[in-house]
N, C-alpha and C. Protein backbone atom coordinates (compact mmCIF):
# COMPACT_ATOMS: atom_id res chain seq x y z
N MET A 1 -1.26 -9.72 -6.86
CA MET A 1 -2.03 -8.82 -6.14
C MET A 1 -3.06 -9.59 -5.36
N VAL A 2 -3.33 -9.37 -3.95
CA VAL A 2 -4.14 -10.11 -3.27
C VAL A 2 -5.03 -8.99 -2.41
N THR A 3 -6.43 -9.07 -2.39
CA THR A 3 -7.01 -8.22 -1.46
C THR A 3 -7.10 -8.76 0.02
N MET A 4 -7.62 -8.00 0.82
CA MET A 4 -7.64 -8.38 2.19
C MET A 4 -8.43 -9.64 2.43
N ALA A 5 -9.62 -9.91 1.66
CA ALA A 5 -10.45 -11.04 1.76
C ALA A 5 -9.58 -12.41 1.09
N GLY A 6 -8.87 -12.09 0.17
CA GLY A 6 -7.98 -13.14 -0.51
C GLY A 6 -6.79 -13.49 0.51
N TYR A 7 -6.35 -12.55 1.25
CA TYR A 7 -5.31 -12.90 2.13
C TYR A 7 -5.70 -13.69 3.47
N TYR A 8 -6.80 -13.09 3.98
CA TYR A 8 -7.43 -13.71 5.35
C TYR A 8 -8.49 -14.74 5.21
N GLY A 9 -9.15 -14.62 3.98
CA GLY A 9 -10.24 -15.44 3.87
C GLY A 9 -11.48 -14.44 3.90
N GLU A 10 -12.45 -14.83 3.22
CA GLU A 10 -13.65 -13.88 3.08
C GLU A 10 -14.22 -13.40 4.51
N GLN A 11 -14.54 -14.31 5.26
CA GLN A 11 -15.02 -13.85 6.60
C GLN A 11 -14.07 -13.09 7.41
N VAL A 12 -12.94 -13.53 7.59
CA VAL A 12 -12.01 -12.83 8.39
C VAL A 12 -11.69 -11.52 7.76
N GLY A 13 -11.26 -11.53 6.52
CA GLY A 13 -11.08 -10.19 5.64
C GLY A 13 -12.13 -9.13 5.95
N GLN A 14 -13.41 -9.33 5.99
CA GLN A 14 -14.41 -8.48 6.30
C GLN A 14 -14.57 -8.05 7.69
N SER A 15 -14.13 -8.89 8.51
CA SER A 15 -14.19 -8.65 10.04
C SER A 15 -13.23 -7.93 10.56
N ILE A 16 -12.15 -7.70 9.89
CA ILE A 16 -10.96 -6.95 10.47
C ILE A 16 -11.36 -5.41 10.55
N THR A 17 -11.17 -4.91 11.66
CA THR A 17 -11.58 -3.50 11.97
C THR A 17 -10.18 -2.77 12.23
N GLY A 18 -10.07 -1.54 11.56
CA GLY A 18 -8.88 -0.84 11.69
C GLY A 18 -7.83 -1.44 10.84
N ASP A 19 -6.84 -0.56 10.64
CA ASP A 19 -5.66 -0.94 9.63
C ASP A 19 -4.34 -1.60 10.39
N THR A 20 -4.38 -1.33 11.57
CA THR A 20 -3.21 -1.70 12.37
C THR A 20 -2.72 -3.16 12.22
N ARG A 21 -3.78 -4.10 12.19
CA ARG A 21 -3.38 -5.55 12.08
C ARG A 21 -2.94 -5.98 10.75
N TRP A 22 -3.63 -5.57 9.72
CA TRP A 22 -3.28 -5.92 8.45
C TRP A 22 -1.88 -5.34 7.95
N ILE A 23 -1.63 -4.07 8.37
CA ILE A 23 -0.35 -3.47 8.16
C ILE A 23 0.83 -4.29 8.75
N GLU A 24 0.57 -4.74 10.07
CA GLU A 24 1.58 -5.56 10.64
C GLU A 24 1.75 -6.85 9.96
N ASP A 25 0.59 -7.53 9.65
CA ASP A 25 0.66 -8.82 8.98
C ASP A 25 1.37 -8.82 7.59
N ILE A 26 0.99 -7.74 6.89
CA ILE A 26 1.48 -7.70 5.40
C ILE A 26 3.01 -7.22 5.62
N ALA A 27 3.40 -6.42 6.37
CA ALA A 27 4.84 -6.09 6.64
C ALA A 27 5.61 -7.31 7.01
N ALA A 28 5.09 -8.07 7.88
CA ALA A 28 5.81 -9.31 8.52
C ALA A 28 6.09 -10.24 7.21
N GLU A 29 5.26 -10.39 6.35
CA GLU A 29 5.37 -11.25 5.16
C GLU A 29 6.20 -10.66 4.10
N GLY A 30 6.63 -9.31 4.39
CA GLY A 30 7.61 -8.64 3.44
C GLY A 30 6.78 -8.33 1.98
N LEU A 31 5.42 -8.40 2.09
CA LEU A 31 4.68 -7.84 0.99
C LEU A 31 4.59 -6.39 0.79
N VAL A 32 4.15 -5.92 -0.30
CA VAL A 32 3.79 -4.57 -0.54
C VAL A 32 2.38 -4.18 -0.37
N ILE A 33 2.16 -3.02 0.27
CA ILE A 33 0.85 -2.50 0.32
C ILE A 33 0.59 -1.56 -0.76
N LEU A 34 -0.56 -1.75 -1.68
CA LEU A 34 -0.96 -0.90 -2.72
C LEU A 34 -2.30 -0.57 -2.41
N SER A 35 -2.34 0.90 -2.22
CA SER A 35 -3.78 1.38 -1.66
C SER A 35 -4.04 2.78 -2.14
N LYS A 36 -5.42 3.05 -2.10
CA LYS A 36 -5.87 4.39 -2.51
C LYS A 36 -6.13 5.20 -1.14
N ASP A 37 -5.95 4.67 0.09
CA ASP A 37 -6.31 5.37 1.37
C ASP A 37 -5.11 6.17 1.84
N ASN A 38 -5.01 7.37 0.91
CA ASN A 38 -3.92 8.33 1.14
C ASN A 38 -3.97 9.10 2.66
N ASP A 39 -5.09 9.41 2.85
CA ASP A 39 -5.32 10.09 4.09
C ASP A 39 -4.92 9.29 5.34
N SER A 40 -5.40 7.99 5.37
CA SER A 40 -5.18 7.06 6.51
C SER A 40 -3.65 6.70 6.68
N LEU A 41 -3.23 6.27 5.53
CA LEU A 41 -1.91 5.65 5.51
C LEU A 41 -0.72 6.75 5.77
N CYS A 42 -1.00 7.95 5.21
CA CYS A 42 -0.03 8.81 5.43
C CYS A 42 -0.34 9.82 6.58
N GLY A 43 -1.26 9.44 7.29
CA GLY A 43 -1.65 10.28 8.52
C GLY A 43 -1.63 9.42 9.83
N LEU A 44 -2.84 8.89 10.03
CA LEU A 44 -3.19 8.07 11.24
C LEU A 44 -2.35 6.93 11.29
N HIS A 45 -1.98 6.19 10.29
CA HIS A 45 -1.34 4.83 10.47
C HIS A 45 0.30 4.98 9.93
N LYS A 46 0.72 6.08 9.74
CA LYS A 46 2.08 6.38 9.44
C LYS A 46 2.93 5.67 10.43
N PRO A 47 2.66 5.92 11.88
CA PRO A 47 3.37 5.24 12.92
C PRO A 47 3.40 3.88 12.85
N ASP A 48 2.29 3.26 12.49
CA ASP A 48 2.27 1.71 12.29
C ASP A 48 3.18 1.24 11.13
N ILE A 49 3.22 2.01 9.89
CA ILE A 49 4.06 1.69 8.86
C ILE A 49 5.39 1.79 9.40
N GLU A 50 5.83 2.75 9.99
CA GLU A 50 7.16 2.88 10.47
C GLU A 50 7.62 1.97 11.48
N GLU A 51 6.72 1.42 12.40
CA GLU A 51 6.94 0.60 13.45
C GLU A 51 7.16 -0.93 12.86
N HIS A 52 6.36 -1.22 11.80
CA HIS A 52 6.44 -2.51 11.30
C HIS A 52 7.15 -2.77 10.04
N GLY A 53 7.77 -1.46 9.58
CA GLY A 53 8.70 -1.63 8.38
C GLY A 53 7.92 -1.90 7.08
N ALA A 54 6.69 -1.37 7.01
CA ALA A 54 5.66 -1.61 5.81
C ALA A 54 6.24 -0.88 4.54
N LYS A 55 5.94 -1.52 3.50
CA LYS A 55 6.28 -0.88 2.21
C LYS A 55 5.02 -0.50 1.49
N VAL A 56 4.76 0.84 1.46
CA VAL A 56 3.33 1.29 1.15
C VAL A 56 3.50 2.04 -0.25
N PHE A 57 2.62 1.80 -1.21
CA PHE A 57 2.56 2.67 -2.52
C PHE A 57 1.01 3.08 -2.67
N ILE A 58 0.85 4.31 -2.57
CA ILE A 58 -0.44 4.88 -2.62
C ILE A 58 -0.77 5.63 -3.84
N PHE A 59 -2.03 5.42 -4.34
CA PHE A 59 -2.63 6.37 -5.32
C PHE A 59 -3.14 7.47 -4.69
N PRO A 60 -2.63 8.92 -5.07
CA PRO A 60 -3.17 10.03 -4.10
C PRO A 60 -4.54 10.33 -4.22
N LYS A 61 -5.31 10.10 -5.30
CA LYS A 61 -6.69 10.40 -5.46
C LYS A 61 -7.55 9.16 -5.38
N ALA A 62 -8.07 9.05 -4.18
CA ALA A 62 -8.98 7.83 -3.99
C ALA A 62 -10.31 7.86 -5.05
N ASN A 63 -10.41 8.73 -5.58
CA ASN A 63 -11.74 8.70 -6.60
C ASN A 63 -11.27 8.43 -7.96
N ALA A 64 -10.05 8.06 -8.29
CA ALA A 64 -9.45 7.80 -9.55
C ALA A 64 -10.18 6.57 -9.84
N SER A 65 -10.41 6.43 -11.32
CA SER A 65 -11.15 5.16 -11.68
C SER A 65 -10.27 4.01 -11.66
N GLY A 66 -10.85 2.76 -11.56
CA GLY A 66 -9.92 1.61 -11.67
C GLY A 66 -9.06 1.47 -12.78
N GLN A 67 -9.65 2.01 -13.96
CA GLN A 67 -8.76 1.99 -15.17
C GLN A 67 -7.39 2.93 -14.92
N THR A 68 -7.78 4.13 -14.50
CA THR A 68 -6.57 5.01 -14.28
C THR A 68 -5.56 4.42 -13.30
N MET A 69 -6.16 3.78 -12.20
CA MET A 69 -5.13 3.33 -11.16
C MET A 69 -4.31 2.05 -11.77
N ALA A 70 -5.08 1.16 -12.60
CA ALA A 70 -4.44 -0.03 -13.23
C ALA A 70 -3.32 0.35 -14.25
N GLU A 71 -3.66 1.51 -14.92
CA GLU A 71 -2.58 1.98 -15.88
C GLU A 71 -1.44 2.53 -15.36
N ARG A 72 -1.72 3.24 -14.19
CA ARG A 72 -0.69 3.90 -13.46
C ARG A 72 0.22 2.83 -12.73
N PHE A 73 -0.38 1.79 -12.24
CA PHE A 73 0.33 0.78 -11.63
C PHE A 73 1.32 0.00 -12.65
N VAL A 74 0.66 -0.24 -13.86
CA VAL A 74 1.49 -0.93 -14.89
C VAL A 74 2.50 -0.13 -15.39
N LYS A 75 2.29 1.21 -15.48
CA LYS A 75 3.44 2.21 -15.93
C LYS A 75 4.62 2.24 -15.00
N HIS A 76 4.24 2.20 -13.73
CA HIS A 76 5.22 2.22 -12.82
C HIS A 76 5.76 0.98 -12.08
N ARG A 77 5.25 -0.23 -12.72
CA ARG A 77 5.59 -1.43 -11.91
C ARG A 77 7.00 -1.73 -11.72
N HIS A 78 7.97 -1.33 -12.72
CA HIS A 78 9.36 -1.54 -12.48
C HIS A 78 9.89 -0.61 -11.51
N ARG A 79 9.63 0.48 -11.28
CA ARG A 79 9.96 1.41 -10.18
C ARG A 79 9.50 0.90 -8.95
N ILE A 80 8.15 0.44 -8.78
CA ILE A 80 7.63 -0.12 -7.48
C ILE A 80 8.44 -1.34 -7.22
N ALA A 81 8.73 -2.30 -8.09
CA ALA A 81 9.51 -3.58 -7.76
C ALA A 81 10.99 -3.24 -7.40
N SER A 82 11.46 -2.26 -7.96
CA SER A 82 12.91 -1.82 -7.50
C SER A 82 12.88 -1.34 -6.16
N ARG A 83 12.02 -0.43 -5.83
CA ARG A 83 11.91 0.07 -4.56
C ARG A 83 11.41 -0.95 -3.45
N ALA A 84 10.59 -1.72 -3.76
CA ALA A 84 10.14 -2.90 -2.81
C ALA A 84 11.15 -3.83 -2.32
N LYS A 85 12.21 -4.02 -3.08
CA LYS A 85 13.27 -4.92 -2.93
C LYS A 85 14.08 -4.40 -1.69
N LYS A 86 14.01 -3.10 -1.33
CA LYS A 86 14.71 -2.44 -0.34
C LYS A 86 13.90 -2.70 0.97
N ASP A 87 14.71 -2.66 2.24
CA ASP A 87 13.84 -2.76 3.45
C ASP A 87 12.96 -1.39 3.78
N GLY A 88 11.84 -1.81 4.44
CA GLY A 88 10.88 -0.68 4.69
C GLY A 88 11.44 -0.08 6.06
N PRO A 89 10.75 0.89 6.60
CA PRO A 89 9.41 1.38 6.07
C PRO A 89 9.66 2.31 4.83
N MET A 90 8.59 2.44 4.05
CA MET A 90 8.58 3.37 2.91
C MET A 90 7.18 3.60 2.54
N ILE A 91 6.97 4.78 2.16
CA ILE A 91 5.61 5.31 1.50
C ILE A 91 5.93 6.14 0.38
N TYR A 92 5.27 5.76 -0.78
CA TYR A 92 5.43 6.44 -1.96
C TYR A 92 4.17 6.71 -2.62
N ARG A 93 3.89 7.87 -3.08
CA ARG A 93 2.71 8.26 -3.86
C ARG A 93 3.03 8.13 -5.32
N LEU A 94 1.99 7.35 -6.06
CA LEU A 94 2.00 7.06 -7.42
C LEU A 94 1.27 8.28 -8.28
N TYR A 95 2.05 8.95 -8.98
CA TYR A 95 1.62 10.05 -9.67
C TYR A 95 1.82 9.71 -11.30
N PRO A 96 1.02 10.36 -12.17
CA PRO A 96 1.14 10.07 -13.59
C PRO A 96 2.66 10.08 -14.07
N GLU A 97 3.35 10.97 -13.48
CA GLU A 97 4.76 11.32 -13.96
C GLU A 97 5.80 10.43 -13.33
N GLY A 98 5.47 9.84 -12.22
CA GLY A 98 6.50 9.00 -11.37
C GLY A 98 5.98 8.78 -9.94
N LEU A 99 6.89 8.43 -9.26
CA LEU A 99 6.71 8.16 -7.77
C LEU A 99 7.35 9.26 -6.83
N LYS A 100 6.48 9.62 -5.79
CA LYS A 100 7.10 10.60 -4.89
C LYS A 100 7.30 9.86 -3.48
N LYS A 101 8.49 10.08 -3.00
CA LYS A 101 8.81 9.51 -1.67
C LYS A 101 8.19 10.33 -0.53
N ILE A 102 7.50 9.76 0.26
CA ILE A 102 6.80 10.40 1.49
C ILE A 102 7.57 10.07 2.82
N LEU A 103 8.06 8.73 2.87
CA LEU A 103 8.81 8.10 3.96
C LEU A 103 9.70 7.22 3.52
């Protein structure tokens, strides 16, 4: 797992405005996006995800604790890995009981 600062470097990672650039870059690398930005990625940036073939897995509640998100990721890691082997675009929400396909 890599943060934007880890991927781009601290200064560049913090200076990126808007999501279009990093969605395109991450998709081009074939990497998976794991996010808690449900509203943005399922709304405003859904066309960017479709255009660039991004693979996105989202925690539906941005206010969930880090512990809760980590536990959910670990619980569903095999399902995430299985789906991520396929070509994008894709968007899945990570719920306690499983994954729900959005795109």
